[in-house]
Amino acid sequence: MKIGAHISIAGSIELSIKRALVVGCDTFQIFTRNPRSWTTKELSEDAISNFQNSVLESKLWPIYAHMPYLPNIASPETEMWNKSILHLKEELVRCDALKIPYIITHLGSPKGSKKEKGISNVVKALNKVFKKYKGKCVILLENTAGKDGRLGSSIEDICDIISRIRNQDNIGFCLDTCHAFASGYDLRSSEIVKDMLNGIDECVSLNKLLLIHSNDSKFDLGSGKDRHEHIGLGCIGEDGFKTILREKRIRKVPFICETPVDDRRDDKGNLEYLRQLLMKI
């Protein structure tokens, strides 16, 4: 099983590879730009070349990018919806230039509109993005904790959206363990984990599950709160992660931690802890 972490691109995007190696990643995730801004400068040819060469030398694979926080492809507001689509298109171009094969996005929020309208907006947005897209990058839809009416707390809804996308080669699923737990999926139960995976398999195939965000939860089951915790120190706990890892059907899916860095543990510590759990099951 490949295990990694979300890595900073501070200073230069190619520096993320050195940082990933230092903490012991087999795979890693980055933002390709400032995630809290609509504006960004274009990647230079040198930055692109240096990143690609460093990835090849490192043997780290696969690489994942994460969409910035501001776009909202579920938005009922036309200006925001169109702006979000444009931003997603731009990010796909950046990923193709960097040869990053996957990009993760949240579904966004319908902002007071009905959930069905938000889901419809997401499907329309993705199909619009893919209408002229000829690249290879795969968009992974990430489940959410469900806070503030954000779409994606229901894994069934995400699978439904995936099934309605024309470009099936360019769409997949990213499962966040903290978000699933916060939205009511008790991952401490082997039966619930099995039922969840069976549901994904029946709707869109488990082959669509291409990444697991491996995060413990600071708050209890069904809290709706998106607060990540160190693996084994949160409410999912060590036994919960053992339950998840025992599922042989997901052993080939990369696990990426988006956990805190503090005086209790850093990224390297969480990767080591996860590997130790694998050895115990």
Protein backbone atom coordinates (compact mmCIF):
# COMPACT_ATOMS: atom_id res chain seq x y z
CA MET A 1 0.00 0.00 0.00
CA LYS A 2 1.29 3.46 -0.91
CA ILE A 3 1.15 6.03 1.87
CA GLY A 4 1.82 9.77 1.73
CA ALA A 5 0.86 13.23 2.92
CA HIS A 6 -0.24 16.66 1.73
CA ILE A 7 2.98 18.60 1.12
CA SER A 8 3.70 22.34 1.03
CA ILE A 9 4.89 24.02 -2.20
CA ALA A 10 6.28 27.06 -0.34
CA GLY A 11 9.23 28.58 -2.18
CA SER A 12 8.80 26.59 -5.37
CA ILE A 13 6.55 23.76 -6.51
CA GLU A 14 9.46 21.35 -7.11
CA LEU A 15 10.52 21.69 -3.45
CA SER A 16 7.44 19.64 -2.55
CA ILE A 17 9.21 16.51 -3.82
CA LYS A 18 12.18 16.93 -1.47
CA ARG A 19 9.80 17.54 1.42
CA ALA A 20 7.79 14.45 0.52
CA LEU A 21 10.93 12.30 0.54
CA VAL A 22 12.04 13.69 3.91
CA VAL A 23 8.79 12.67 5.63
CA GLY A 24 8.81 9.21 4.03
CA CYS A 25 6.11 9.48 1.36
CA ASP A 26 5.48 6.89 -1.34
CA THR A 27 2.96 9.28 -2.90
CA PHE A 28 1.90 12.85 -2.09
CA GLN A 29 -0.60 15.63 -2.66
CA ILE A 30 -0.11 19.36 -3.28
CA PHE A 31 -1.90 22.56 -4.18
CA THR A 32 -0.43 23.83 -7.45
CA ARG A 33 -1.20 27.42 -6.37
CA ASN A 34 -2.31 29.52 -3.40
CA PRO A 35 -5.53 27.74 -2.33
CA ARG A 36 -7.08 30.90 -0.85
CA SER A 37 -6.80 33.16 -3.90
CA TRP A 38 -8.51 33.40 -7.29
CA THR A 39 -5.37 34.76 -8.91
CA THR A 40 -2.10 33.00 -9.58
CA LYS A 41 0.93 33.38 -11.78
CA GLU A 42 1.55 30.93 -14.59
CA LEU A 43 4.01 28.12 -14.03
CA SER A 44 7.33 28.84 -15.70
CA GLU A 45 8.87 26.34 -18.11
CA ASP A 46 11.73 25.86 -15.65
CA ALA A 47 9.34 25.12 -12.78
CA ILE A 48 7.46 22.58 -14.90
CA SER A 49 10.64 20.90 -16.11
CA ASN A 50 12.22 20.83 -12.64
CA PHE A 51 9.06 19.34 -11.13
CA GLN A 52 8.77 16.62 -13.76
CA ASN A 53 12.44 15.67 -13.51
CA SER A 54 12.36 15.63 -9.71
CA VAL A 55 9.30 13.36 -9.71
CA LEU A 56 11.03 10.91 -12.06
CA GLU A 57 14.18 10.86 -9.91
CA SER A 58 12.21 10.45 -6.68
CA LYS A 59 10.09 7.52 -7.93
CA LEU A 60 7.18 8.99 -5.93
CA TRP A 61 3.90 8.08 -7.61
CA PRO A 62 1.11 8.84 -8.10
CA ILE A 63 0.98 12.59 -7.49
CA TYR A 64 -2.29 14.29 -6.57
CA ALA A 65 -3.28 17.95 -6.78
CA HIS A 66 -6.09 19.50 -4.73
CA MET A 67 -8.36 22.25 -6.00
CA PRO A 68 -8.21 25.61 -4.19
CA TYR A 69 -10.89 26.36 -1.58
CA LEU A 70 -12.78 29.20 -3.33
CA PRO A 71 -14.48 27.58 -6.39
CA ASN A 72 -18.03 26.30 -5.94
CA ILE A 73 -19.34 24.21 -8.84
CA ALA A 74 -22.66 23.67 -7.00
CA SER A 75 -23.35 27.41 -6.75
CA PRO A 76 -26.78 28.72 -7.83
CA GLU A 77 -25.14 32.07 -8.66
CA THR A 78 -24.27 32.18 -12.37
CA GLU A 79 -21.17 34.34 -11.97
CA MET A 80 -19.67 32.14 -9.24
CA TRP A 81 -20.60 28.95 -11.11
CA ASN A 82 -18.93 30.10 -14.35
CA LYS A 83 -15.89 31.40 -12.48
CA SER A 84 -15.55 28.05 -10.71
CA ILE A 85 -15.73 26.14 -13.99
CA LEU A 86 -13.04 28.36 -15.50
CA HIS A 87 -10.84 27.80 -12.44
CA LEU A 88 -11.27 24.03 -12.68
CA LYS A 89 -10.36 24.11 -16.39
CA GLU A 90 -7.23 26.13 -15.57
CA GLU A 91 -6.25 23.67 -12.88
CA LEU A 92 -6.58 20.75 -15.29
CA VAL A 93 -4.22 22.54 -17.68
CA ARG A 94 -1.70 23.04 -14.86
CA CYS A 95 -1.94 19.38 -13.86
CA ASP A 96 -1.42 18.22 -17.44
CA ALA A 97 1.61 20.51 -17.77
CA LEU A 98 3.08 19.07 -14.55
CA LYS A 99 2.00 15.52 -15.53
CA ILE A 100 -0.07 15.20 -12.36
CA PRO A 101 -2.66 12.49 -13.10
CA TYR A 102 -5.30 13.36 -10.47
CA ILE A 103 -6.97 16.43 -9.01
CA ILE A 104 -9.33 16.36 -6.02
CA THR A 105 -12.26 18.73 -5.72
CA HIS A 106 -15.06 19.31 -3.24
CA LEU A 107 -18.55 19.60 -4.68
CA GLY A 108 -19.34 22.93 -3.06
CA SER A 109 -22.60 24.27 -1.65
CA PRO A 110 -25.98 25.10 -3.24
CA LYS A 111 -26.13 28.13 -0.90
CA GLY A 112 -29.75 27.83 0.22
CA SER A 113 -31.03 26.07 -2.90
CA LYS A 114 -32.27 22.49 -2.70
CA LYS A 115 -29.70 19.70 -2.67
CA GLU A 116 -31.04 18.35 -5.97
CA LYS A 117 -30.36 21.70 -7.65
CA GLY A 118 -26.81 21.69 -6.30
CA ILE A 119 -26.21 18.17 -7.57
CA SER A 120 -27.58 19.15 -10.98
CA ASN A 121 -25.22 22.15 -11.06
CA VAL A 122 -22.24 19.92 -10.25
CA VAL A 123 -23.12 17.44 -13.02
CA LYS A 124 -23.61 20.27 -15.53
CA ALA A 125 -20.35 21.92 -14.48
CA LEU A 126 -18.29 18.75 -14.83
CA ASN A 127 -19.83 17.86 -18.18
CA LYS A 128 -19.14 21.41 -19.37
CA VAL A 129 -15.51 21.13 -18.25
CA PHE A 130 -15.10 17.82 -20.05
CA LYS A 131 -16.88 18.91 -23.26
CA LYS A 132 -13.64 20.16 -24.85
CA TYR A 133 -11.10 18.64 -22.48
CA LYS A 134 -8.68 16.27 -24.21
CA GLY A 135 -6.15 15.85 -21.40
CA LYS A 136 -5.47 12.89 -19.14
CA CYS A 137 -6.05 14.31 -15.66
CA VAL A 138 -8.78 12.60 -13.61
CA ILE A 139 -11.05 14.67 -11.36
CA LEU A 140 -11.68 12.96 -8.03
CA LEU A 141 -14.83 14.02 -6.17
CA GLU A 142 -14.25 14.14 -2.41
CA ASN A 143 -16.90 13.42 0.20
CA THR A 144 -17.50 16.09 2.85
CA ALA A 145 -18.47 16.27 6.51
CA GLY A 146 -21.76 17.95 5.54
CA LYS A 147 -21.22 21.23 7.39
CA ASP A 148 -23.07 24.38 6.23
CA GLY A 149 -25.09 22.53 3.60
CA ARG A 150 -22.08 21.45 1.59
CA LEU A 151 -22.76 18.67 -0.88
CA GLY A 152 -21.03 15.32 -0.72
CA SER A 153 -21.71 14.07 2.79
CA SER A 154 -23.68 11.23 1.21
CA ILE A 155 -21.42 8.79 -0.60
CA GLU A 156 -24.47 7.67 -2.56
CA ASP A 157 -24.87 11.21 -3.94
CA ILE A 158 -21.25 11.29 -5.07
CA CYS A 159 -21.63 7.94 -6.81
CA ASP A 160 -24.81 9.22 -8.48
CA ILE A 161 -22.92 12.28 -9.79
CA ILE A 162 -20.04 10.14 -11.06
CA SER A 163 -22.47 7.88 -12.93
CA ARG A 164 -23.89 10.94 -14.77
CA ILE A 165 -20.56 12.23 -16.12
CA ARG A 166 -19.91 11.67 -19.83
CA ASN A 167 -16.13 11.32 -19.63
CA GLN A 168 -15.94 8.26 -17.39
CA ASP A 169 -12.19 7.96 -17.97
CA ASN A 170 -11.69 11.37 -16.32
CA ILE A 171 -13.81 11.00 -13.18
CA GLY A 172 -13.30 9.16 -9.90
CA PHE A 173 -13.80 9.23 -6.13
CA CYS A 174 -11.67 10.33 -3.17
CA LEU A 175 -12.86 9.01 0.19
CA ASP A 176 -11.96 11.11 3.24
CA THR A 177 -12.21 9.03 6.42
CA CYS A 178 -12.70 12.02 8.75
CA HIS A 179 -15.45 13.44 6.54
CA ALA A 180 -17.20 10.07 6.24
CA PHE A 181 -17.13 9.60 10.03
CA ALA A 182 -18.35 13.16 10.66
CA SER A 183 -21.24 12.63 8.25
CA GLY A 184 -22.40 9.47 10.04
CA TYR A 185 -20.49 6.51 8.58
CA ASP A 186 -19.13 4.60 11.57
CA LEU A 187 -15.82 3.39 10.17
CA ARG A 188 -15.10 1.55 13.43
CA SER A 189 -17.62 -1.06 12.29
CA SER A 190 -16.39 -3.65 9.79
CA GLU A 191 -19.96 -4.17 8.57
CA ILE A 192 -20.46 -0.48 7.82
CA VAL A 193 -17.10 -0.27 6.03
CA LYS A 194 -18.06 -3.31 3.94
CA ASP A 195 -21.52 -1.91 3.18
CA MET A 196 -20.01 1.44 2.16
CA LEU A 197 -17.54 -0.19 -0.23
CA ASN A 198 -20.25 -2.50 -1.58
CA GLY A 199 -22.41 0.55 -2.29
CA ILE A 200 -19.62 2.24 -4.21
CA ASP A 201 -18.93 -0.96 -6.15
CA GLU A 202 -22.57 -1.49 -7.07
CA CYS A 203 -23.10 2.11 -8.24
CA VAL A 204 -19.88 3.02 -10.06
CA SER A 205 -17.35 0.21 -9.37
CA LEU A 206 -14.63 0.25 -6.73
CA ASN A 207 -12.20 0.92 -9.57
CA LYS A 208 -13.41 4.53 -9.29
CA LEU A 209 -12.05 4.78 -5.73
CA LEU A 210 -8.62 6.20 -6.53
CA LEU A 211 -7.56 7.86 -3.27
CA ILE A 212 -8.25 7.68 0.45
CA HIS A 213 -7.64 10.76 2.58
CA SER A 214 -6.54 9.05 5.77
CA ASN A 215 -7.54 11.40 8.60
CA ASP A 216 -8.79 10.76 12.11
CA SER A 217 -11.63 12.94 13.43
CA LYS A 218 -11.39 15.40 16.32
CA PHE A 219 -15.16 15.14 16.85
CA ASP A 220 -17.51 12.21 17.31
CA LEU A 221 -19.62 10.25 14.84
CA GLY A 222 -22.14 12.36 12.91
CA SER A 223 -20.82 15.69 14.22
CA GLY A 224 -20.80 17.29 10.76
CA LYS A 225 -17.50 18.94 11.71
CA ASP A 226 -14.47 18.81 9.41
CA ARG A 227 -11.65 18.74 11.96
CA HIS A 228 -8.80 16.36 11.21
CA GLU A 229 -6.81 14.64 13.96
CA HIS A 230 -3.66 12.51 14.12
CA ILE A 231 -4.22 8.88 13.13
CA GLY A 232 -5.30 6.91 16.20
CA LEU A 233 -5.68 9.97 18.46
CA GLY A 234 -9.17 10.94 17.32
CA CYS A 235 -12.65 9.46 17.55
CA ILE A 236 -12.11 6.90 14.78
CA GLY A 237 -9.12 5.70 16.76
CA GLU A 238 -6.56 2.98 16.25
CA ASP A 239 -9.14 0.20 16.17
CA GLY A 240 -11.16 2.11 13.56
CA PHE A 241 -8.17 2.45 11.26
CA LYS A 242 -7.34 -1.23 11.74
CA THR A 243 -10.89 -2.00 10.62
CA ILE A 244 -10.42 0.14 7.50
CA LEU A 245 -7.01 -1.34 6.70
CA ARG A 246 -8.29 -4.92 7.04
CA GLU A 247 -10.44 -4.35 3.94
CA LYS A 248 -8.32 -6.06 1.30
CA ARG A 249 -10.32 -4.43 -1.51
CA ILE A 250 -8.70 -1.06 -0.80
CA ARG A 251 -5.13 -2.23 -0.26
CA LYS A 252 -4.15 -0.97 -3.74
CA VAL A 253 -5.65 2.49 -3.14
CA PRO A 254 -3.10 5.14 -2.01
CA PHE A 255 -3.62 6.63 1.47
CA ILE A 256 -2.73 10.30 1.94
CA CYS A 257 -2.75 11.96 5.36
CA GLU A 258 -3.96 15.55 5.81
CA THR A 259 -3.27 15.54 9.52
CA PRO A 260 -2.06 18.30 11.88
CA VAL A 261 1.59 19.12 12.48
CA ASP A 262 2.13 19.94 16.15
CA ASP A 263 4.15 18.95 19.21
CA ARG A 264 2.41 15.56 19.38
CA ARG A 265 3.22 14.36 15.87
CA ASP A 266 4.23 15.55 12.39
CA ASP A 267 3.62 14.13 8.90
CA LYS A 268 6.48 11.66 9.26
CA GLY A 269 5.04 10.45 12.55
CA ASN A 270 1.59 9.86 11.05
CA LEU A 271 3.01 7.93 8.10
CA GLU A 272 5.08 5.77 10.44
CA TYR A 273 2.05 5.17 12.66
CA LEU A 274 -0.08 4.12 9.68
CA ARG A 275 2.62 1.72 8.49
CA GLN A 276 2.86 0.22 11.98
CA LEU A 277 -0.90 -0.38 11.96
CA LEU A 278 -0.57 -2.19 8.64
CA MET A 279 1.98 -4.52 10.19
CA LYS A 280 -0.39 -5.34 13.06
CA ILE A 281 -3.30 -6.58 10.96
